Amino acid sequence: MLLWIYIPVEGHKNLFRDESTGAIINCDNTAYQNYLKDKKRNSIKKAEIDAMKDEIETLKSMLRDLASKINVIVNINTF
């Protein structure tokens, strides 16, 4: 039979020590839920930034193509 014994960590109401492994366990569910929300929010922001970077690269490529075509037209008209 497995029996987990958690001992409160002095000065921390949400921290407990697992007596068998010595691990510190945080039992603050609110803090954990906030962490998960922040992690998801950061992931969404990163995806948005990556999408904007891709769009910027596309725009830069389009501008290079346009500049190249303008140069061709200018060169044709100078002859």
PDB file of N, CA and C in Angstrom:
ATOM      1  N   MET A   1       0.841  -1.179   0.000  1.00  0.00           N
ATOM      2  CA  MET A   1       0.000   0.000   0.000  1.00  0.00           C
ATOM      3  C   MET A   1       0.889   1.246   0.000  1.00  0.00           C
ATOM      4  N   LEU A   2       0.619   2.144  -0.937  1.00  0.00           N
ATOM      5  CA  LEU A   2       1.363   3.397  -0.999  1.00  0.00           C
ATOM      6  C   LEU A   2       0.713   4.424  -0.091  1.00  0.00           C
ATOM      7  N   LEU A   3       1.540   5.092   0.680  1.00  0.00           N
ATOM      8  CA  LEU A   3       1.030   6.129   1.572  1.00  0.00           C
ATOM      9  C   LEU A   3       1.927   7.346   1.426  1.00  0.00           C
ATOM     10  N   TRP A   4       1.326   8.445   0.960  1.00  0.00           N
ATOM     11  CA  TRP A   4       2.087   9.672   0.820  1.00  0.00           C
ATOM     12  C   TRP A   4       1.895  10.517   2.060  1.00  0.00           C
ATOM     13  N   ILE A   5       2.995  10.965   2.598  1.00  0.00           N
ATOM     14  CA  ILE A   5       2.936  11.821   3.774  1.00  0.00           C
ATOM     15  C   ILE A   5       3.558  13.155   3.389  1.00  0.00           C
ATOM     16  N   TYR A   6       2.738  14.195   3.474  1.00  0.00           N
ATOM     17  CA  TYR A   6       3.194  15.534   3.137  1.00  0.00           C
ATOM     18  C   TYR A   6       3.329  16.356   4.405  1.00  0.00           C
ATOM     19  N   ILE A   7       4.488  16.970   4.551  1.00  0.00           N
ATOM     20  CA  ILE A   7       4.774  17.780   5.725  1.00  0.00           C
ATOM     21  C   ILE A   7       4.754  19.246   5.299  1.00  0.00           C
ATOM     22  N   PRO A   8       3.977  20.093   5.981  1.00  0.00           N
ATOM     23  CA  PRO A   8       3.943  21.519   5.618  1.00  0.00           C
ATOM     24  C   PRO A   8       5.332  22.154   5.718  1.00  0.00           C
ATOM     25  N   VAL A   9       5.643  23.007   4.746  1.00  0.00           N
ATOM     26  CA  VAL A   9       6.905  23.744   4.754  1.00  0.00           C
ATOM     27  C   VAL A   9       6.680  25.005   5.578  1.00  0.00           C
ATOM     28  N   GLU A  10       7.526  25.198   6.559  1.00  0.00           N
ATOM     29  CA  GLU A  10       7.374  26.321   7.474  1.00  0.00           C
ATOM     30  C   GLU A  10       7.443  27.653   6.728  1.00  0.00           C
ATOM     31  N   GLY A  11       6.464  28.502   6.986  1.00  0.00           N
ATOM     32  CA  GLY A  11       6.426  29.830   6.386  1.00  0.00           C
ATOM     33  C   GLY A  11       5.776  29.880   5.013  1.00  0.00           C
ATOM     34  N   HIS A  12       5.298  28.744   4.510  1.00  0.00           N
ATOM     35  CA  HIS A  12       4.664  28.681   3.183  1.00  0.00           C
ATOM     36  C   HIS A  12       3.403  27.831   3.284  1.00  0.00           C
ATOM     37  N   LYS A  13       2.248  28.493   3.226  1.00  0.00           N
ATOM     38  CA  LYS A  13       0.997  27.770   3.469  1.00  0.00           C
ATOM     39  C   LYS A  13       0.627  26.790   2.356  1.00  0.00           C
ATOM     40  N   ASN A  14       1.156  26.974   1.140  1.00  0.00           N
ATOM     41  CA  ASN A  14       0.789  26.094   0.030  1.00  0.00           C
ATOM     42  C   ASN A  14       1.884  25.108  -0.365  1.00  0.00           C
ATOM     43  N   LEU A  15       2.990  25.099   0.365  1.00  0.00           N
ATOM     44  CA  LEU A  15       4.085  24.191   0.043  1.00  0.00           C
ATOM     45  C   LEU A  15       4.164  23.061   1.056  1.00  0.00           C
ATOM     46  N   PHE A  16       4.385  21.852   0.508  1.00  0.00           N
ATOM     47  CA  PHE A  16       4.496  20.664   1.347  1.00  0.00           C
ATOM     48  C   PHE A  16       5.672  19.836   0.860  1.00  0.00           C
ATOM     49  N   ARG A  17       6.292  19.118   1.783  1.00  0.00           N
ATOM     50  CA  ARG A  17       7.404  18.239   1.440  1.00  0.00           C
ATOM     51  C   ARG A  17       6.917  16.796   1.477  1.00  0.00           C
ATOM     52  N   ASP A  18       7.215  16.079   0.387  1.00  0.00           N
ATOM     53  CA  ASP A  18       6.909  14.648   0.340  1.00  0.00           C
ATOM     54  C   ASP A  18       7.975  13.949   1.177  1.00  0.00           C
ATOM     55  N   GLU A  19       7.539  13.303   2.225  1.00  0.00           N
ATOM     56  CA  GLU A  19       8.486  12.700   3.164  1.00  0.00           C
ATOM     57  C   GLU A  19       9.308  11.584   2.518  1.00  0.00           C
ATOM     58  N   SER A  20       8.731  10.858   1.575  1.00  0.00           N
ATOM     59  CA  SER A  20       9.451   9.726   0.991  1.00  0.00           C
ATOM     60  C   SER A  20      10.505  10.156  -0.039  1.00  0.00           C
ATOM     61  N   THR A  21      10.254  11.251  -0.775  1.00  0.00           N
ATOM     62  CA  THR A  21      11.201  11.667  -1.815  1.00  0.00           C
ATOM     63  C   THR A  21      11.936  12.956  -1.478  1.00  0.00           C
ATOM     64  N   GLY A  22      11.395  13.724  -0.549  1.00  0.00           N
ATOM     65  CA  GLY A  22      11.980  15.012  -0.206  1.00  0.00           C
ATOM     66  C   GLY A  22      11.552  16.123  -1.150  1.00  0.00           C
ATOM     67  N   ALA A  23      10.703  15.795  -2.123  1.00  0.00           N
ATOM     68  CA  ALA A  23      10.254  16.787  -3.101  1.00  0.00           C
ATOM     69  C   ALA A  23       9.354  17.819  -2.442  1.00  0.00           C
ATOM     70  N   ILE A  24       9.440  19.056  -2.932  1.00  0.00           N
ATOM     71  CA  ILE A  24       8.549  20.120  -2.482  1.00  0.00           C
ATOM     72  C   ILE A  24       7.371  20.162  -3.450  1.00  0.00           C
ATOM     73  N   ILE A  25       6.176  20.161  -2.917  1.00  0.00           N
ATOM     74  CA  ILE A  25       4.955  20.149  -3.721  1.00  0.00           C
ATOM     75  C   ILE A  25       4.181  21.429  -3.454  1.00  0.00           C
ATOM     76  N   ASN A  26       3.830  22.124  -4.544  1.00  0.00           N
ATOM     77  CA  ASN A  26       3.037  23.346  -4.435  1.00  0.00           C
ATOM     78  C   ASN A  26       1.572  22.968  -4.626  1.00  0.00           C
ATOM     79  N   CYS A  27       0.751  23.233  -3.645  1.00  0.00           N
ATOM     80  CA  CYS A  27      -0.669  22.878  -3.700  1.00  0.00           C
ATOM     81  C   CYS A  27      -1.554  24.096  -3.930  1.00  0.00           C
ATOM     82  N   ASP A  28      -0.988  25.177  -4.470  1.00  0.00           N
ATOM     83  CA  ASP A  28      -1.744  26.395  -4.740  1.00  0.00           C
ATOM     84  C   ASP A  28      -2.385  26.279  -6.122  1.00  0.00           C
ATOM     85  N   ASN A  29      -3.638  25.833  -6.158  1.00  0.00           N
ATOM     86  CA  ASN A  29      -4.329  25.614  -7.428  1.00  0.00           C
ATOM     87  C   ASN A  29      -4.562  26.909  -8.193  1.00  0.00           C
ATOM     88  N   THR A  30      -4.825  28.000  -7.480  1.00  0.00           N
ATOM     89  CA  THR A  30      -5.050  29.285  -8.143  1.00  0.00           C
ATOM     90  C   THR A  30      -3.793  29.725  -8.891  1.00  0.00           C
ATOM     91  N   ALA A  31      -2.651  29.610  -8.253  1.00  0.00           N
ATOM     92  CA  ALA A  31      -1.389  29.981  -8.902  1.00  0.00           C
ATOM     93  C   ALA A  31      -1.130  29.087 -10.109  1.00  0.00           C
ATOM     94  N   TYR A  32      -1.457  27.822 -10.002  1.00  0.00           N
ATOM     95  CA  TYR A  32      -1.256  26.893 -11.115  1.00  0.00           C
ATOM     96  C   TYR A  32      -2.169  27.247 -12.289  1.00  0.00           C
ATOM     97  N   GLN A  33      -3.427  27.550 -11.995  1.00  0.00           N
ATOM     98  CA  GLN A  33      -4.367  27.941 -13.051  1.00  0.00           C
ATOM     99  C   GLN A  33      -3.905  29.237 -13.728  1.00  0.00           C
ATOM    100  N   ASN A  34      -3.417  30.188 -12.937  1.00  0.00           N
ATOM    101  CA  ASN A  34      -2.884  31.435 -13.502  1.00  0.00           C
ATOM    102  C   ASN A  34      -1.678  31.160 -14.397  1.00  0.00           C
ATOM    103  N   TYR A  35      -0.827  30.243 -13.963  1.00  0.00           N
ATOM    104  CA  TYR A  35       0.335  29.849 -14.762  1.00  0.00           C
ATOM    105  C   TYR A  35      -0.111  29.270 -16.105  1.00  0.00           C
ATOM    106  N   LEU A  36      -1.106  28.386 -16.077  1.00  0.00           N
ATOM    107  CA  LEU A  36      -1.594  27.781 -17.314  1.00  0.00           C
ATOM    108  C   LEU A  36      -2.192  28.830 -18.250  1.00  0.00           C
ATOM    109  N   LYS A  37      -2.950  29.785 -17.689  1.00  0.00           N
ATOM    110  CA  LYS A  37      -3.527  30.861 -18.506  1.00  0.00           C
ATOM    111  C   LYS A  37      -2.423  31.705 -19.140  1.00  0.00           C
ATOM    112  N   ASP A  38      -1.410  32.060 -18.342  1.00  0.00           N
ATOM    113  CA  ASP A  38      -0.293  32.860 -18.856  1.00  0.00           C
ATOM    114  C   ASP A  38       0.455  32.109 -19.955  1.00  0.00           C
ATOM    115  N   LYS A  39       0.658  30.817 -19.738  1.00  0.00           N
ATOM    116  CA  LYS A  39       1.361  30.000 -20.721  1.00  0.00           C
ATOM    117  C   LYS A  39       0.588  29.963 -22.036  1.00  0.00           C
ATOM    118  N   LYS A  40      -0.730  29.793 -21.955  1.00  0.00           N
ATOM    119  CA  LYS A  40      -1.567  29.767 -23.155  1.00  0.00           C
ATOM    120  C   LYS A  40      -1.550  31.131 -23.848  1.00  0.00           C
ATOM    121  N   ARG A  41      -1.677  32.205 -23.068  1.00  0.00           N
ATOM    122  CA  ARG A  41      -1.663  33.558 -23.616  1.00  0.00           C
ATOM    123  C   ARG A  41      -0.335  33.836 -24.326  1.00  0.00           C
ATOM    124  N   ASN A  42       0.767  33.428 -23.713  1.00  0.00           N
ATOM    125  CA  ASN A  42       2.084  33.634 -24.325  1.00  0.00           C
ATOM    126  C   ASN A  42       2.235  32.825 -25.609  1.00  0.00           C
ATOM    127  N   SER A  43       1.674  31.628 -25.615  1.00  0.00           N
ATOM    128  CA  SER A  43       1.723  30.787 -26.806  1.00  0.00           C
ATOM    129  C   SER A  43       0.950  31.432 -27.954  1.00  0.00           C
ATOM    130  N   ILE A  44      -0.215  31.995 -27.644  1.00  0.00           N
ATOM    131  CA  ILE A  44      -1.026  32.674 -28.657  1.00  0.00           C
ATOM    132  C   ILE A  44      -0.287  33.897 -29.190  1.00  0.00           C
ATOM    133  N   LYS A  45       0.320  34.672 -28.283  1.00  0.00           N
ATOM    134  CA  LYS A  45       1.074  35.857 -28.706  1.00  0.00           C
ATOM    135  C   LYS A  45       2.240  35.470 -29.611  1.00  0.00           C
ATOM    136  N   LYS A  46       2.935  34.404 -29.264  1.00  0.00           N
ATOM    137  CA  LYS A  46       4.063  33.951 -30.077  1.00  0.00           C
ATOM    138  C   LYS A  46       3.585  33.550 -31.466  1.00  0.00           C
ATOM    139  N   ALA A  47       2.459  32.850 -31.537  1.00  0.00           N
ATOM    140  CA  ALA A  47       1.917  32.449 -32.837  1.00  0.00           C
ATOM    141  C   ALA A  47       1.541  33.675 -33.664  1.00  0.00           C
ATOM    142  N   GLU A  48       0.959  34.682 -33.015  1.00  0.00           N
ATOM    143  CA  GLU A  48       0.599  35.915 -33.725  1.00  0.00           C
ATOM    144  C   GLU A  48       1.843  36.632 -34.244  1.00  0.00           C
ATOM    145  N   ILE A  49       2.873  36.698 -33.427  1.00  0.00           N
ATOM    146  CA  ILE A  49       4.123  37.350 -33.833  1.00  0.00           C
ATOM    147  C   ILE A  49       4.760  36.592 -34.994  1.00  0.00           C
ATOM    148  N   ASP A  50       4.766  35.260 -34.916  1.00  0.00           N
ATOM    149  CA  ASP A  50       5.326  34.461 -36.003  1.00  0.00           C
ATOM    150  C   ASP A  50       4.555  34.690 -37.302  1.00  0.00           C
ATOM    151  N   ALA A  51       3.226  34.794 -37.206  1.00  0.00           N
ATOM    152  CA  ALA A  51       2.405  35.054 -38.395  1.00  0.00           C
ATOM    153  C   ALA A  51       2.732  36.428 -38.972  1.00  0.00           C
ATOM    154  N   MET A  52       2.915  37.420 -38.102  1.00  0.00           N
ATOM    155  CA  MET A  52       3.268  38.763 -38.579  1.00  0.00           C
ATOM    156  C   MET A  52       4.641  38.768 -39.245  1.00  0.00           C
ATOM    157  N   LYS A  53       5.585  38.020 -38.698  1.00  0.00           N
ATOM    158  CA  LYS A  53       6.911  37.923 -39.316  1.00  0.00           C
ATOM    159  C   LYS A  53       6.798  37.335 -40.719  1.00  0.00           C
ATOM    160  N   ASP A  54       5.976  36.294 -40.867  1.00  0.00           N
ATOM    161  CA  ASP A  54       5.776  35.695 -42.186  1.00  0.00           C
ATOM    162  C   ASP A  54       5.159  36.700 -43.155  1.00  0.00           C
ATOM    163  N   GLU A  55       4.176  37.460 -42.676  1.00  0.00           N
ATOM    164  CA  GLU A  55       3.535  38.464 -43.525  1.00  0.00           C
ATOM    165  C   GLU A  55       4.529  39.550 -43.940  1.00  0.00           C
ATOM    166  N   ILE A  56       5.381  39.962 -43.023  1.00  0.00           N
ATOM    167  CA  ILE A  56       6.396  40.976 -43.333  1.00  0.00           C
ATOM    168  C   ILE A  56       7.355  40.449 -44.397  1.00  0.00           C
ATOM    169  N   GLU A  57       7.774  39.200 -44.267  1.00  0.00           N
ATOM    170  CA  GLU A  57       8.668  38.612 -45.270  1.00  0.00           C
ATOM    171  C   GLU A  57       7.992  38.565 -46.633  1.00  0.00           C
ATOM    172  N   THR A  58       6.698  38.245 -46.658  1.00  0.00           N
ATOM    173  CA  THR A  58       5.950  38.230 -47.914  1.00  0.00           C
ATOM    174  C   THR A  58       5.905  39.627 -48.524  1.00  0.00           C
ATOM    175  N   LEU A  59       5.632  40.630 -47.695  1.00  0.00           N
ATOM    176  CA  LEU A  59       5.593  42.016 -48.179  1.00  0.00           C
ATOM    177  C   LEU A  59       6.954  42.463 -48.710  1.00  0.00           C
ATOM    178  N   LYS A  60       8.017  42.102 -48.005  1.00  0.00           N
ATOM    179  CA  LYS A  60       9.361  42.457 -48.457  1.00  0.00           C
ATOM    180  C   LYS A  60       9.658  41.824 -49.814  1.00  0.00           C
ATOM    181  N   SER A  61       9.261  40.586 -49.972  1.00  0.00           N
ATOM    182  CA  SER A  61       9.473  39.894 -51.240  1.00  0.00           C
ATOM    183  C   SER A  61       8.687  40.570 -52.363  1.00  0.00           C
ATOM    184  N   MET A  62       7.452  40.947 -52.065  1.00  0.00           N
ATOM    185  CA  MET A  62       6.626  41.636 -53.058  1.00  0.00           C
ATOM    186  C   MET A  62       7.252  42.980 -53.441  1.00  0.00           C
ATOM    187  N   LEU A  63       7.776  43.702 -52.459  1.00  0.00           N
ATOM    188  CA  LEU A  63       8.422  44.989 -52.738  1.00  0.00           C
ATOM    189  C   LEU A  63       9.677  44.811 -53.591  1.00  0.00           C
ATOM    190  N   ARG A  64      10.449  43.769 -53.309  1.00  0.00           N
ATOM    191  CA  ARG A  64      11.641  43.496 -54.123  1.00  0.00           C
ATOM    192  C   ARG A  64      11.240  43.207 -55.572  1.00  0.00           C
ATOM    193  N   ASP A  65      10.198  42.390 -55.738  1.00  0.00           N
ATOM    194  CA  ASP A  65       9.717  42.083 -57.090  1.00  0.00           C
ATOM    195  C   ASP A  65       9.247  43.350 -57.800  1.00  0.00           C
ATOM    196  N   LEU A  66       8.510  44.176 -57.085  1.00  0.00           N
ATOM    197  CA  LEU A  66       8.007  45.425 -57.661  1.00  0.00           C
ATOM    198  C   LEU A  66       9.161  46.350 -58.054  1.00  0.00           C
ATOM    199  N   ALA A  67      10.137  46.474 -57.168  1.00  0.00           N
ATOM    200  CA  ALA A  67      11.299  47.320 -57.460  1.00  0.00           C
ATOM    201  C   ALA A  67      12.046  46.794 -58.679  1.00  0.00           C
ATOM    202  N   SER A  68      12.165  45.489 -58.786  1.00  0.00           N
ATOM    203  CA  SER A  68      12.839  44.884 -59.931  1.00  0.00           C
ATOM    204  C   SER A  68      12.085  45.192 -61.220  1.00  0.00           C
ATOM    205  N   LYS A  69      10.769  45.086 -61.191  1.00  0.00           N
ATOM    206  CA  LYS A  69       9.956  45.371 -62.380  1.00  0.00           C
ATOM    207  C   LYS A  69      10.036  46.851 -62.753  1.00  0.00           C
ATOM    208  N   ILE A  70      10.056  47.716 -61.761  1.00  0.00           N
ATOM    209  CA  ILE A  70      10.193  49.156 -62.027  1.00  0.00           C
ATOM    210  C   ILE A  70      11.541  49.437 -62.680  1.00  0.00           C
ATOM    211  N   ASN A  71      12.591  48.793 -62.192  1.00  0.00           N
ATOM    212  CA  ASN A  71      13.924  48.974 -62.785  1.00  0.00           C
ATOM    213  C   ASN A  71      13.939  48.520 -64.237  1.00  0.00           C
ATOM    214  N   VAL A  72      13.264  47.427 -64.541  1.00  0.00           N
ATOM    215  CA  VAL A  72      13.203  46.939 -65.920  1.00  0.00           C
ATOM    216  C   VAL A  72      12.509  47.967 -66.797  1.00  0.00           C
ATOM    217  N   ILE A  73      11.383  48.511 -66.317  1.00  0.00           N
ATOM    218  CA  ILE A  73      10.632  49.509 -67.089  1.00  0.00           C
ATOM    219  C   ILE A  73      11.474  50.767 -67.297  1.00  0.00           C
ATOM    220  N   VAL A  74      12.146  51.215 -66.252  1.00  0.00           N
ATOM    221  CA  VAL A  74      12.989  52.414 -66.346  1.00  0.00           C
ATOM    222  C   VAL A  74      14.119  52.178 -67.339  1.00  0.00           C
ATOM    223  N   ASN A  75      14.728  51.005 -67.289  1.00  0.00           N
ATOM    224  CA  ASN A  75      15.835  50.694 -68.201  1.00  0.00           C
ATOM    225  C   ASN A  75      15.355  50.618 -69.647  1.00  0.00           C
ATOM    226  N   ILE A  76      14.161  50.094 -69.866  1.00  0.00           N
ATOM    227  CA  ILE A  76      13.611  50.017 -71.225  1.00  0.00           C
ATOM    228  C   ILE A  76      13.354  51.420 -71.761  1.00  0.00           C
ATOM    229  N   ASN A  77      12.827  52.292 -70.919  1.00  0.00           N
ATOM    230  CA  ASN A  77      12.492  53.648 -71.353  1.00  0.00           C
ATOM    231  C   ASN A  77      13.720  54.532 -71.568  1.00  0.00           C
ATOM    232  N   THR A  78      14.853  54.159 -71.032  1.00  0.00           N
ATOM    233  CA  THR A  78      16.054  54.983 -71.200  1.00  0.00           C
ATOM    234  C   THR A  78      16.767  54.677 -72.501  1.00  0.00           C
ATOM    235  N   PHE A  79      16.395  53.608 -73.165  1.00  0.00           N
ATOM    236  CA  PHE A  79      17.050  53.259 -74.431  1.00  0.00           C
ATOM    237  C   PHE A  79      16.372  53.887 -75.575  1.00  0.00           C
TER     238      PHE A  79
END
